[in-house]
């Protein structure tokens, strides 16, 4: 989550590659916490 937050803080957005890891590990809540969406 810290890496995602740093990307959002220092750049204009966040791009997620290899969505399969998000799905397999059920990281949707972590992404929602960082993005607020």
N, C-alpha and C. Protein backbone atom coordinates (compact mmCIF):
# COMPACT_ATOMS: atom_id res chain seq x y z
N UNK A 1 0.81 -1.18 0.00
CA UNK A 1 0.00 0.00 0.00
C UNK A 1 0.86 1.25 0.00
N UNK A 2 2.01 1.19 0.64
CA UNK A 2 2.88 2.38 0.68
C UNK A 2 3.36 2.74 -0.71
N UNK A 3 3.67 1.74 -1.52
CA UNK A 3 4.15 2.02 -2.88
C UNK A 3 3.06 2.67 -3.71
N UNK A 4 1.83 2.18 -3.58
CA UNK A 4 0.72 2.78 -4.31
C UNK A 4 0.50 4.22 -3.87
N UNK A 5 0.57 4.46 -2.57
CA UNK A 5 0.36 5.81 -2.05
C UNK A 5 1.45 6.75 -2.54
N UNK A 6 2.70 6.28 -2.55
CA UNK A 6 3.80 7.11 -3.03
C UNK A 6 3.59 7.49 -4.50
N UNK A 7 3.16 6.53 -5.31
CA UNK A 7 2.91 6.83 -6.73
C UNK A 7 1.84 7.90 -6.87
N UNK A 8 0.79 7.79 -6.10
CA UNK A 8 -0.28 8.79 -6.18
C UNK A 8 0.19 10.15 -5.68
N UNK A 9 1.03 10.16 -4.67
CA UNK A 9 1.52 11.43 -4.11
C UNK A 9 2.50 12.14 -5.05
N UNK A 10 3.32 11.37 -5.76
CA UNK A 10 4.41 11.95 -6.53
C UNK A 10 4.16 12.01 -8.04
N UNK A 11 3.07 11.42 -8.51
CA UNK A 11 2.78 11.42 -9.95
C UNK A 11 1.33 11.81 -10.18
N UNK A 12 0.92 11.72 -11.41
CA UNK A 12 -0.45 12.08 -11.78
C UNK A 12 -1.41 10.90 -11.75
N UNK A 13 -0.97 9.77 -11.24
CA UNK A 13 -1.89 8.64 -11.21
C UNK A 13 -1.19 7.35 -10.83
N UNK A 14 -1.93 6.29 -10.99
CA UNK A 14 -1.46 4.96 -10.60
C UNK A 14 -1.88 3.99 -11.68
N UNK A 15 -0.93 3.24 -12.21
CA UNK A 15 -1.24 2.23 -13.21
C UNK A 15 -0.89 0.87 -12.63
N UNK A 16 -1.82 -0.03 -12.70
CA UNK A 16 -1.62 -1.36 -12.13
C UNK A 16 -1.43 -2.35 -13.27
N UNK A 17 -0.31 -3.02 -13.26
CA UNK A 17 -0.03 -4.08 -14.22
C UNK A 17 -0.28 -5.43 -13.55
N UNK A 18 -0.48 -6.44 -14.33
CA UNK A 18 -0.69 -7.79 -13.82
C UNK A 18 -1.84 -7.85 -12.82
N UNK A 19 -2.99 -7.46 -13.28
CA UNK A 19 -4.19 -7.46 -12.46
C UNK A 19 -4.48 -8.83 -11.85
N UNK A 20 -3.93 -9.86 -12.44
CA UNK A 20 -4.15 -11.22 -11.93
C UNK A 20 -3.72 -11.33 -10.47
N UNK A 21 -2.66 -10.62 -10.07
CA UNK A 21 -2.20 -10.69 -8.68
C UNK A 21 -3.22 -10.06 -7.74
N UNK A 22 -3.85 -8.99 -8.17
CA UNK A 22 -4.89 -8.34 -7.36
C UNK A 22 -6.05 -9.30 -7.16
N UNK A 23 -6.45 -9.96 -8.23
CA UNK A 23 -7.59 -10.88 -8.17
C UNK A 23 -7.25 -12.10 -7.32
N UNK A 24 -6.11 -12.71 -7.57
CA UNK A 24 -5.75 -13.94 -6.85
C UNK A 24 -5.54 -13.71 -5.36
N UNK A 25 -5.02 -12.56 -5.00
CA UNK A 25 -4.73 -12.28 -3.59
C UNK A 25 -5.81 -11.44 -2.92
N UNK A 26 -6.85 -11.11 -3.69
CA UNK A 26 -7.98 -10.33 -3.18
C UNK A 26 -7.51 -9.03 -2.51
N UNK A 27 -6.75 -8.24 -3.25
CA UNK A 27 -6.21 -6.98 -2.74
C UNK A 27 -7.11 -5.79 -3.03
N UNK A 28 -8.37 -6.03 -3.34
CA UNK A 28 -9.27 -4.94 -3.71
C UNK A 28 -9.43 -3.92 -2.58
N UNK A 29 -9.49 -4.39 -1.35
CA UNK A 29 -9.65 -3.47 -0.21
C UNK A 29 -8.45 -2.54 -0.08
N UNK A 30 -7.26 -3.06 -0.30
CA UNK A 30 -6.05 -2.23 -0.21
C UNK A 30 -6.06 -1.14 -1.27
N UNK A 31 -6.47 -1.49 -2.47
CA UNK A 31 -6.54 -0.49 -3.54
C UNK A 31 -7.59 0.55 -3.21
N UNK A 32 -8.71 0.11 -2.68
CA UNK A 32 -9.77 1.05 -2.33
C UNK A 32 -9.32 2.00 -1.21
N UNK A 33 -8.58 1.49 -0.24
CA UNK A 33 -8.09 2.35 0.84
C UNK A 33 -7.17 3.44 0.30
N UNK A 34 -6.29 3.08 -0.62
CA UNK A 34 -5.33 4.05 -1.15
C UNK A 34 -6.00 5.05 -2.08
N UNK A 35 -6.86 4.57 -2.95
CA UNK A 35 -7.45 5.45 -3.95
C UNK A 35 -8.69 6.17 -3.44
N UNK A 36 -9.31 5.63 -2.42
CA UNK A 36 -10.54 6.23 -1.91
C UNK A 36 -11.74 5.98 -2.80
N UNK A 37 -11.61 5.03 -3.71
CA UNK A 37 -12.70 4.72 -4.64
C UNK A 37 -13.09 3.28 -4.55
